[in-house]
């Protein structure tokens, strides 16, 4: 059954991409092989001072109901189940990029609710009493995540890396059972909080170059519509790219007036440089289309090497009401990171991405339980982790991105007075993104994972475990602005 579902979903992706490609072939606008500005290297683009704001809202709802009737000569059984799951999540980000500072502020607010119930009823044909069992479970989780990342450049390539991240969450669960022998109502409240600042130093710079790619999309599309007097030079493509980056600074809530200002600014560039042979409907419809769809995907270029120190603190308080019990966890950690990132656009439609890290940390965990069976426990240890990943991205047209990659990770966890644990991860993955419109996106990803583990206990003896797993996800996202 899973294979059938996978085949159907992949077929849907292929049909969507093929349908778009067929429509594009009619107008001959998006064929990469027919690009007329292939000499412009987007990897050398330098971003002017920019500001970007974005708000996403994800809504997920699921409901199911089952009723089953079974009868026999002695009794009748009725079984009913119902389930409802809902989640709404909002993500906001603000990105600022200047020659002196790169800053990213992000926040996520999430509300999740799950409720399911089961009812079992048995009635007898004789005078025996009816058996009724009712069970219900409710779960609610609310959370707020905040992240603030900064790179402050002392020179063209040397920067200080600093920032902080935090999360606050509250969840509530309730389990109710009612039958002839039991009537219970169990409640549990969980509050958690974590905070992690960071500071470090690095060398290099990674530029966002999707605006340069959009400039080529616009120039190619207009050239193929025969509305330009000539192809743009590399200097003109660079000027158009920076015009695009600058005019987007006004973008917020993506209102109609802002869109008009953006189109007018790009149009003035073509008019000023005497590039238009025809400024009629064909020109403006193509410009509008490329403006909407030409920069849907992030493209980056450059490399960074950095060393960062990051402390971390986590607190969780769990209270169970039916037994008057509290559990408290406190975790503290100090970690050091050595990072390397590399991004390289290749022939306009391809992207190489490399990420490698080495991490060492010391941590301490303290747990405490009050009420019934009181206890206090503390665990200290060290963790060493190294991983590297490579992803190859393909952008066949303005709406579609396909990405395949591999990741290898190894970690060694040394827990005082317990033992040494070594874990390995090998992951192969593939992702696909398709935009129905600039605000409505379909995303799908699948992957294979092999994760062997080896354990060596201080008390003597050893053990091992091998895990193989696969995953497949599909999501729909609507961008507010």
Protein backbone atom coordinates (compact mmCIF):
# COMPACT_ATOMS: atom_id res chain seq x y z
CA UNK A 1 0.00 0.00 0.00
CA UNK A 2 2.84 2.39 0.85
CA UNK A 3 4.46 1.74 -2.53
CA UNK A 4 1.19 2.53 -4.30
CA UNK A 5 0.82 5.83 -2.43
CA UNK A 6 4.44 6.72 -3.19
CA UNK A 7 3.97 6.02 -6.91
CA UNK A 8 0.80 8.13 -7.00
CA UNK A 9 2.45 11.10 -5.28
CA UNK A 10 5.53 10.97 -7.49
CA UNK A 11 3.27 10.75 -10.54
CA UNK A 12 1.44 13.88 -9.34
CA UNK A 13 4.76 15.73 -9.09
CA UNK A 14 5.81 14.62 -12.57
CA UNK A 15 2.46 15.58 -14.10
CA UNK A 16 2.61 19.01 -12.46
CA UNK A 17 6.12 19.68 -13.73
CA UNK A 18 5.32 18.30 -17.18
CA UNK A 19 2.15 20.38 -17.44
CA UNK A 20 4.06 23.53 -16.60
CA UNK A 21 6.84 22.63 -19.03
CA UNK A 22 4.30 22.04 -21.81
CA UNK A 23 2.74 25.45 -21.26
CA UNK A 24 6.15 27.04 -21.17
CA UNK A 25 7.21 25.36 -24.40
CA UNK A 26 4.35 27.13 -26.16
CA UNK A 27 5.88 30.51 -25.39
CA UNK A 28 9.50 29.27 -25.40
CA UNK A 29 10.28 31.23 -22.26
CA UNK A 30 11.83 28.89 -19.71
CA UNK A 31 13.95 26.38 -21.61
CA UNK A 32 17.39 26.48 -19.93
CA UNK A 33 19.09 25.30 -23.12
CA UNK A 34 17.82 28.40 -24.93
CA UNK A 35 19.14 30.94 -22.39
CA UNK A 36 20.61 33.96 -24.17
CA UNK A 37 22.60 35.33 -21.23
CA UNK A 38 24.74 32.35 -20.24
CA UNK A 39 27.95 34.38 -19.88
CA UNK A 40 26.76 36.10 -16.71
CA UNK A 41 28.06 34.30 -13.58
CA UNK A 42 25.52 34.71 -10.78
CA UNK A 43 28.06 33.29 -8.34
CA UNK A 44 30.01 36.58 -8.51
CA UNK A 45 27.02 38.74 -7.62
CA UNK A 46 27.46 41.02 -4.58
CA UNK A 47 24.27 41.90 -2.75
CA UNK A 48 23.57 45.59 -2.04
CA UNK A 49 22.06 46.64 1.30
CA UNK A 50 18.75 44.78 1.56
CA UNK A 51 15.91 44.08 4.00
CA UNK A 52 13.49 41.15 3.65
CA UNK A 53 10.36 40.31 5.65
CA UNK A 54 8.33 37.11 5.39
CA UNK A 55 5.32 35.57 7.13
CA UNK A 56 4.16 31.97 6.58
CA UNK A 57 1.06 30.28 7.98
CA UNK A 58 0.65 26.48 7.97
CA UNK A 59 -2.71 24.92 8.83
CA UNK A 60 -3.24 21.18 9.31
CA UNK A 61 -6.56 19.50 10.11
CA UNK A 62 -7.43 15.80 10.19
CA UNK A 63 -10.53 13.97 11.39
CA UNK A 64 -11.60 10.33 11.32
CA UNK A 65 -14.54 8.28 12.57
CA UNK A 66 -15.12 4.52 12.75
CA UNK A 67 -18.18 2.53 13.75
CA UNK A 68 -18.24 -1.27 13.87
CA UNK A 69 -21.25 -3.50 14.71
CA UNK A 70 -20.80 -7.23 15.41
CA UNK A 71 -23.58 -9.58 16.42
CA UNK A 72 -23.87 -13.18 17.52
CA UNK A 73 -26.48 -15.42 19.11
CA UNK A 74 -25.44 -14.44 22.65
CA UNK A 75 -24.49 -10.75 22.36
CA UNK A 76 -24.05 -7.67 20.17
CA UNK A 77 -20.89 -5.54 20.12
CA UNK A 78 -20.67 -1.88 19.16
CA UNK A 79 -17.27 -0.25 18.73
CA UNK A 80 -16.79 3.46 17.90
CA UNK A 81 -13.63 5.56 17.54
CA UNK A 82 -13.14 9.17 16.59
CA UNK A 83 -10.01 11.28 16.20
CA UNK A 84 -9.36 14.95 15.52
CA UNK A 85 -5.94 16.55 14.98
CA UNK A 86 -5.34 20.20 14.31
CA UNK A 87 -2.26 22.39 14.10
CA UNK A 88 -1.75 26.03 13.14
CA UNK A 89 1.71 27.49 12.88
CA UNK A 90 2.95 30.95 11.98
CA UNK A 91 6.54 31.79 11.03
CA UNK A 92 7.95 35.30 10.75
CA UNK A 93 11.45 36.22 9.61
CA UNK A 94 13.32 39.49 9.05
CA UNK A 95 16.59 39.40 7.12
CA UNK A 96 19.03 42.33 6.82
CA UNK A 97 22.17 42.18 4.67
CA UNK A 98 24.67 45.03 4.47
CA UNK A 99 28.43 45.10 3.89
CA UNK A 100 28.97 45.46 7.66
CA UNK A 101 26.24 43.21 9.06
CA UNK A 102 24.11 40.19 8.20
CA UNK A 103 21.21 39.75 10.64
CA UNK A 104 18.34 37.26 10.77
CA UNK A 105 15.47 37.47 13.25
CA UNK A 106 12.98 34.58 13.20
CA UNK A 107 9.96 33.62 15.29
CA UNK A 108 7.50 30.73 15.28
CA UNK A 109 4.19 30.49 17.11
CA UNK A 110 2.47 27.10 17.11
CA UNK A 111 -0.80 25.70 18.49
CA UNK A 112 -1.53 21.97 18.30
CA UNK A 113 -4.56 19.97 19.46
CA UNK A 114 -5.31 16.25 19.34
CA UNK A 115 -8.35 14.45 20.70
CA UNK A 116 -9.39 10.82 20.27
CA UNK A 117 -12.04 8.70 21.95
CA UNK A 118 -13.08 5.04 22.01
CA UNK A 119 -16.41 3.55 23.04
CA UNK A 120 -17.08 -0.16 23.44
CA UNK A 121 -20.52 -1.46 24.28
CA UNK A 122 -21.62 -5.11 24.62
CA UNK A 123 -25.30 -5.99 25.07
CA UNK A 124 -26.47 -9.53 25.78
CA UNK A 125 -29.53 -11.30 24.45
CA UNK A 126 -30.31 -12.60 27.97
CA UNK A 127 -30.76 -10.50 31.11
CA UNK A 128 -27.03 -9.92 31.74
CA UNK A 129 -26.09 -6.27 32.31
CA UNK A 130 -24.62 -4.26 29.46
CA UNK A 131 -20.83 -3.73 29.43
CA UNK A 132 -19.70 -0.19 28.52
CA UNK A 133 -16.11 1.04 28.27
CA UNK A 134 -15.34 4.68 27.43
CA UNK A 135 -11.84 6.09 26.92
CA UNK A 136 -10.69 9.47 25.67
CA UNK A 137 -7.34 11.19 25.31
CA UNK A 138 -6.66 14.88 24.76
CA UNK A 139 -3.37 16.58 24.00
CA UNK A 140 -2.65 20.28 23.59
CA UNK A 141 0.70 21.97 22.94
CA UNK A 142 1.50 25.67 22.54
CA UNK A 143 5.01 26.90 21.80
CA UNK A 144 6.96 30.03 20.89
CA UNK A 145 10.41 29.92 19.26
CA UNK A 146 12.69 32.92 18.80
CA UNK A 147 16.04 33.09 17.03
CA UNK A 148 18.45 35.99 16.46
CA UNK A 149 21.62 35.48 14.39
CA UNK A 150 24.21 38.09 13.47
CA UNK A 151 27.49 38.36 11.58
CA UNK A 152 29.39 41.60 12.12
CA UNK A 153 32.16 42.16 9.55
CA UNK A 154 35.39 43.84 10.70
CA UNK A 155 36.70 43.65 7.13
CA UNK A 156 35.55 42.21 3.82
CA UNK A 157 35.90 38.60 5.04
CA UNK A 158 36.52 38.52 8.83
CA UNK A 159 33.42 38.58 11.01
CA UNK A 160 32.16 38.08 14.54
CA UNK A 161 29.34 35.54 14.79
CA UNK A 162 26.88 36.03 17.65
CA UNK A 163 23.21 35.53 18.51
CA UNK A 164 20.75 33.64 20.67
CA UNK A 165 17.81 31.24 20.43
CA UNK A 166 15.07 30.29 22.87
CA UNK A 167 11.89 28.27 23.16
CA UNK A 168 8.95 28.34 25.57
CA UNK A 169 6.36 25.57 25.47
CA UNK A 170 3.33 24.43 27.45
CA UNK A 171 1.47 21.18 26.94
CA UNK A 172 -1.53 19.60 28.60
CA UNK A 173 -2.72 15.98 28.42
CA UNK A 174 -5.81 14.33 29.82
CA UNK A 175 -6.69 10.61 29.88
CA UNK A 176 -10.22 9.67 30.91
CA UNK A 177 -11.49 6.13 31.47
CA UNK A 178 -14.98 5.11 32.56
CA UNK A 179 -16.36 1.59 32.87
CA UNK A 180 -17.91 -0.76 35.41
CA UNK A 181 -14.68 -1.21 37.38
CA UNK A 182 -12.81 2.05 36.86
CA UNK A 183 -13.49 5.76 36.68
CA UNK A 184 -10.32 7.86 36.28
CA UNK A 185 -9.36 11.29 35.06
CA UNK A 186 -5.60 11.75 34.71
CA UNK A 187 -4.17 15.21 33.95
CA UNK A 188 -0.62 16.25 33.23
CA UNK A 189 0.86 19.74 32.74
CA UNK A 190 4.32 20.23 31.22
CA UNK A 191 6.18 23.54 31.01
CA UNK A 192 9.57 23.77 29.31
CA UNK A 193 12.05 26.50 28.53
CA UNK A 194 15.46 26.63 26.85
CA UNK A 195 17.93 29.38 26.03
CA UNK A 196 21.17 29.27 24.07
CA UNK A 197 23.40 32.27 23.24
CA UNK A 198 26.47 31.97 20.97
CA UNK A 199 29.59 33.91 20.10
CA UNK A 200 32.48 33.22 17.73
CA UNK A 201 34.64 34.39 14.87
CA UNK A 202 34.77 33.44 11.20
CA UNK A 203 36.23 34.05 7.77
CA UNK A 204 34.47 34.27 4.40
CA UNK A 205 31.07 35.34 3.18
CA UNK A 206 28.09 33.68 1.52
CA UNK A 207 25.98 35.91 -0.71
CA UNK A 208 22.32 35.47 -1.68
CA UNK A 209 22.27 35.51 -5.50
CA UNK A 210 18.64 34.65 -6.36
CA UNK A 211 18.05 38.25 -7.47
CA UNK A 212 20.80 37.87 -10.08
CA UNK A 213 19.14 34.67 -11.28
CA UNK A 214 15.82 36.51 -11.50
CA UNK A 215 17.44 39.22 -13.62
CA UNK A 216 18.48 36.56 -16.15
CA UNK A 217 15.00 35.01 -16.08
CA UNK A 218 13.51 38.43 -16.91
CA UNK A 219 16.07 39.23 -19.64
CA UNK A 220 15.69 35.78 -21.27
CA UNK A 221 11.89 35.85 -21.17
CA UNK A 222 11.69 39.34 -22.68
CA UNK A 223 14.29 38.51 -25.31
CA UNK A 224 12.37 35.40 -26.39
CA UNK A 225 9.22 37.50 -26.71
CA UNK A 226 11.13 39.80 -29.08
CA UNK A 227 10.36 42.93 -27.08
CA UNK A 228 14.02 43.92 -26.55
CA UNK A 229 16.21 45.77 -29.01
CA UNK A 230 19.21 43.63 -28.02
CA UNK A 231 20.49 41.24 -25.37
CA UNK A 232 21.72 42.76 -22.13
CA UNK A 233 25.45 43.04 -21.44
CA UNK A 234 26.95 41.60 -18.25
CA UNK A 235 27.24 45.14 -16.83
CA UNK A 236 23.55 45.77 -17.52
CA UNK A 237 22.58 42.41 -15.97
CA UNK A 238 24.53 43.35 -12.85
CA UNK A 239 22.81 46.76 -12.69
CA UNK A 240 19.39 45.12 -13.18
CA UNK A 241 20.16 42.58 -10.43
CA UNK A 242 21.02 45.31 -7.96
CA UNK A 243 17.93 47.29 -8.98
CA UNK A 244 15.82 44.19 -8.22
CA UNK A 245 17.49 43.68 -4.83
CA UNK A 246 17.06 47.32 -3.84
CA UNK A 247 13.44 47.73 -4.87
CA UNK A 248 12.42 44.67 -2.82
CA UNK A 249 13.44 46.50 0.35
CA UNK A 250 9.99 48.11 0.35
CA UNK A 251 8.24 44.74 0.29
CA UNK A 252 5.95 44.12 3.26
CA UNK A 253 2.60 42.30 3.16
CA UNK A 254 3.16 42.24 -0.64
CA UNK A 255 0.36 44.71 -1.28
CA UNK A 256 -0.83 45.83 -4.71
CA UNK A 257 0.78 49.28 -4.38
CA UNK A 258 4.17 47.82 -3.52
CA UNK A 259 3.95 45.50 -6.53
CA UNK A 260 3.21 48.46 -8.78
CA UNK A 261 6.25 50.32 -7.41
CA UNK A 262 8.48 47.29 -7.99
CA UNK A 263 7.33 46.76 -11.58
CA UNK A 264 7.64 50.50 -12.31
CA UNK A 265 11.25 50.50 -11.01
CA UNK A 266 12.27 47.56 -13.21
CA UNK A 267 10.42 49.05 -16.21
CA UNK A 268 12.30 52.33 -15.77
CA UNK A 269 15.58 50.43 -16.07
CA UNK A 270 14.66 49.07 -19.51
CA UNK A 271 13.33 52.45 -20.65
CA UNK A 272 16.39 54.35 -19.40
CA UNK A 273 18.77 52.01 -21.23
CA UNK A 274 16.74 52.07 -24.50
CA UNK A 275 16.25 48.30 -24.40
CA UNK A 276 12.57 48.13 -25.39
CA UNK A 277 11.44 47.52 -28.95
CA UNK A 278 7.85 46.94 -27.79
CA UNK A 279 6.34 47.94 -24.43
CA UNK A 280 2.88 46.53 -25.08
CA UNK A 281 0.90 43.77 -23.40
CA UNK A 282 3.42 41.02 -24.22
CA UNK A 283 6.18 42.95 -22.45
CA UNK A 284 4.24 43.72 -19.28
CA UNK A 285 2.62 40.27 -18.89
CA UNK A 286 6.04 38.62 -19.22
CA UNK A 287 7.62 41.07 -16.78
CA UNK A 288 4.84 40.48 -14.24
CA UNK A 289 5.19 36.71 -14.58
CA UNK A 290 8.96 36.71 -14.14
CA UNK A 291 8.68 39.11 -11.23
CA UNK A 292 6.26 36.79 -9.45
CA UNK A 293 8.10 33.53 -10.15
CA UNK A 294 11.73 34.43 -10.89
CA UNK A 295 13.05 34.42 -7.28
CA UNK A 296 11.02 31.77 -5.48
CA UNK A 297 14.08 29.72 -4.50
CA UNK A 298 17.12 30.76 -2.49
CA UNK A 299 20.43 30.65 -4.39
CA UNK A 300 23.69 31.30 -2.59
CA UNK A 301 27.36 31.65 -3.43
CA UNK A 302 30.56 31.69 -1.37
CA UNK A 303 32.08 29.95 1.64
CA UNK A 304 32.47 30.46 5.39
CA UNK A 305 34.73 28.98 8.08
CA UNK A 306 33.86 29.77 11.69
CA UNK A 307 34.57 28.79 15.29
CA UNK A 308 31.68 29.30 17.72
CA UNK A 309 31.16 28.69 21.44
CA UNK A 310 27.58 28.02 22.51
CA UNK A 311 26.24 27.45 26.07
CA UNK A 312 22.80 25.88 26.45
CA UNK A 313 20.27 25.64 29.29
CA UNK A 314 17.04 23.62 29.42
CA UNK A 315 14.38 23.43 32.14
CA UNK A 316 11.24 21.29 32.23
CA UNK A 317 8.61 21.02 34.94
CA UNK A 318 6.04 18.23 34.72
CA UNK A 319 3.11 17.92 37.12
CA UNK A 320 0.72 14.94 37.28
CA UNK A 321 -2.44 15.82 39.21
CA UNK A 322 -4.03 12.43 39.89
CA UNK A 323 -0.99 11.26 41.94
CA UNK A 324 0.24 14.71 43.04
CA UNK A 325 3.67 14.26 41.54
CA UNK A 326 6.24 16.67 40.08
CA UNK A 327 9.23 15.94 37.87
CA UNK A 328 11.87 18.60 37.25
CA UNK A 329 14.70 18.38 34.68
CA UNK A 330 17.58 20.82 34.31
CA UNK A 331 20.17 20.41 31.57
CA UNK A 332 23.22 22.61 31.03
CA UNK A 333 25.77 22.30 28.24
CA UNK A 334 28.79 24.10 26.83
CA UNK A 335 29.64 23.31 23.21
CA UNK A 336 32.31 24.43 20.72
CA UNK A 337 31.67 24.27 16.95
CA UNK A 338 34.06 24.32 13.99
CA UNK A 339 31.95 24.97 10.88
CA UNK A 340 32.54 25.00 7.13
CA UNK A 341 29.89 25.97 4.55
CA UNK A 342 30.29 26.14 0.78
CA UNK A 343 27.75 27.21 -1.86
CA UNK A 344 28.42 27.26 -5.61
CA UNK A 345 25.91 28.01 -8.41
CA UNK A 346 26.76 26.03 -11.55
CA UNK A 347 25.50 26.84 -15.08
CA UNK A 348 22.53 28.88 -13.77
CA UNK A 349 20.28 25.86 -13.06
CA UNK A 350 22.49 23.81 -10.69
CA UNK A 351 23.70 24.34 -7.14
CA UNK A 352 26.44 22.63 -5.09
CA UNK A 353 26.04 22.81 -1.29
CA UNK A 354 28.54 21.45 1.26
CA UNK A 355 28.19 21.62 5.05
CA UNK A 356 30.71 20.13 7.51
CA UNK A 357 30.99 20.49 11.29
CA UNK A 358 33.00 19.20 14.24
CA UNK A 359 31.40 19.66 17.68
CA UNK A 360 32.62 19.00 21.19
CA UNK A 361 30.55 19.55 24.33
CA UNK A 362 30.35 18.88 28.05
CA UNK A 363 26.93 18.54 29.66
CA UNK A 364 25.22 17.94 32.97
CA UNK A 365 21.67 16.74 33.60
CA UNK A 366 19.85 16.87 36.93
CA UNK A 367 16.44 15.28 37.51
CA UNK A 368 14.25 15.51 40.59
CA UNK A 369 10.92 13.93 41.53
CA UNK A 370 8.67 15.00 44.41
CA UNK A 371 5.52 13.40 45.77
CA UNK A 372 5.37 9.62 45.58
CA UNK A 373 8.79 7.91 45.24
CA UNK A 374 10.95 11.01 45.71
CA UNK A 375 14.45 10.91 44.19
CA UNK A 376 17.27 13.09 42.83
CA UNK A 377 19.70 12.09 40.09
CA UNK A 378 22.58 13.73 38.23
CA UNK A 379 24.41 12.68 35.09
CA UNK A 380 27.54 14.27 33.57
CA UNK A 381 29.22 13.54 30.28
CA UNK A 382 30.90 14.59 27.05
CA UNK A 383 29.77 14.41 23.42
CA UNK A 384 31.94 14.58 20.30
CA UNK A 385 30.20 14.83 16.91
CA UNK A 386 31.36 15.23 13.32
CA UNK A 387 29.24 15.32 10.19
CA UNK A 388 29.41 16.30 6.55
CA UNK A 389 26.71 16.67 3.92
CA UNK A 390 26.54 17.35 0.21
CA UNK A 391 23.43 18.39 -1.75
CA UNK A 392 22.99 18.90 -5.47
CA UNK A 393 20.15 21.23 -6.43
CA UNK A 394 18.51 21.45 -9.83
CA UNK A 395 16.24 24.33 -10.89
CA UNK A 396 14.68 23.31 -14.25
CA UNK A 397 12.31 26.31 -14.31
CA UNK A 398 11.03 29.14 -12.15
CA UNK A 399 8.55 27.04 -10.19
CA UNK A 400 10.45 23.80 -9.52
CA UNK A 401 13.44 22.75 -7.43
CA UNK A 402 14.74 19.19 -7.10
CA UNK A 403 17.44 18.40 -4.56
CA UNK A 404 19.30 15.16 -3.79
CA UNK A 405 21.97 14.68 -1.19
CA UNK A 406 23.82 12.56 1.33
CA UNK A 407 24.78 13.09 4.97
CA UNK A 408 27.22 11.19 7.16
CA UNK A 409 27.37 11.70 10.93
CA UNK A 410 29.31 10.05 13.75
CA UNK A 411 28.97 10.90 17.44
CA UNK A 412 30.56 9.57 20.60
CA UNK A 413 28.84 10.06 23.94
CA UNK A 414 30.83 9.47 27.13
CA UNK A 415 28.63 9.33 30.24
CA UNK A 416 30.41 9.31 33.58
CA UNK A 417 30.11 6.01 35.49
CA UNK A 418 28.02 4.45 32.71
CA UNK A 419 29.94 3.92 29.51
CA UNK A 420 30.76 4.99 25.98
CA UNK A 421 28.21 5.07 23.18
CA UNK A 422 29.03 5.54 19.51
CA UNK A 423 26.31 6.31 16.97
CA UNK A 424 26.56 6.49 13.18
CA UNK A 425 24.10 8.00 10.69
CA UNK A 426 24.07 7.60 6.94
CA UNK A 427 21.21 9.42 5.19
CA UNK A 428 20.26 9.62 1.52
CA UNK A 429 17.48 12.07 0.70
CA UNK A 430 15.58 13.73 -2.13
CA UNK A 431 13.36 16.81 -2.02
CA UNK A 432 11.02 18.47 -4.47
CA UNK A 433 9.39 21.92 -4.27
CA UNK A 434 6.72 23.12 -6.67
CA UNK A 435 4.96 26.50 -6.59
CA UNK A 436 1.38 26.60 -7.87
CA UNK A 437 1.56 30.37 -7.32
CA UNK A 438 4.08 32.67 -5.61
CA UNK A 439 2.23 32.11 -2.31
CA UNK A 440 1.13 28.47 -2.58
CA UNK A 441 3.81 25.74 -2.44
CA UNK A 442 3.82 21.96 -2.55
CA UNK A 443 6.80 20.26 -0.92
CA UNK A 444 7.74 16.61 -0.77
CA UNK A 445 10.75 14.75 0.56
CA UNK A 446 11.81 11.14 0.95
CA UNK A 447 14.87 9.50 2.42
CA UNK A 448 16.66 6.39 3.59
CA UNK A 449 18.57 6.16 6.87
CA UNK A 450 20.98 3.58 8.24
CA UNK A 451 21.99 4.14 11.88
CA UNK A 452 24.14 1.54 13.67
CA UNK A 453 25.02 2.08 17.34
CA UNK A 454 27.65 0.52 19.58
CA UNK A 455 27.67 0.56 23.40
CA UNK A 456 30.48 -0.27 25.83
CA UNK A 457 29.54 -0.29 29.51
CA UNK A 458 31.93 0.66 32.33
CA UNK A 459 30.65 -2.30 34.31
CA UNK A 460 31.78 -4.62 31.53
CA UNK A 461 30.21 -5.96 28.39
CA UNK A 462 29.08 -4.35 25.16
CA UNK A 463 26.12 -4.34 22.83
CA UNK A 464 25.12 -3.09 19.38
CA UNK A 465 22.06 -2.07 17.43
CA UNK A 466 21.37 -1.51 13.73
CA UNK A 467 18.46 0.65 12.52
CA UNK A 468 17.22 1.05 8.97
CA UNK A 469 14.35 3.46 8.29
CA UNK A 470 12.68 5.40 5.49
CA UNK A 471 10.55 8.52 5.40
CA UNK A 472 8.17 10.28 3.05
CA UNK A 473 6.48 13.64 3.65
CA UNK A 474 4.19 15.93 1.66
CA UNK A 475 3.15 19.42 2.78
CA UNK A 476 1.29 22.47 1.46
CA UNK A 477 2.33 25.98 2.57
CA UNK A 478 0.68 29.35 2.00
CA UNK A 479 2.86 32.47 2.32
CA UNK A 480 1.07 35.55 3.60
CA UNK A 481 3.87 37.91 2.44
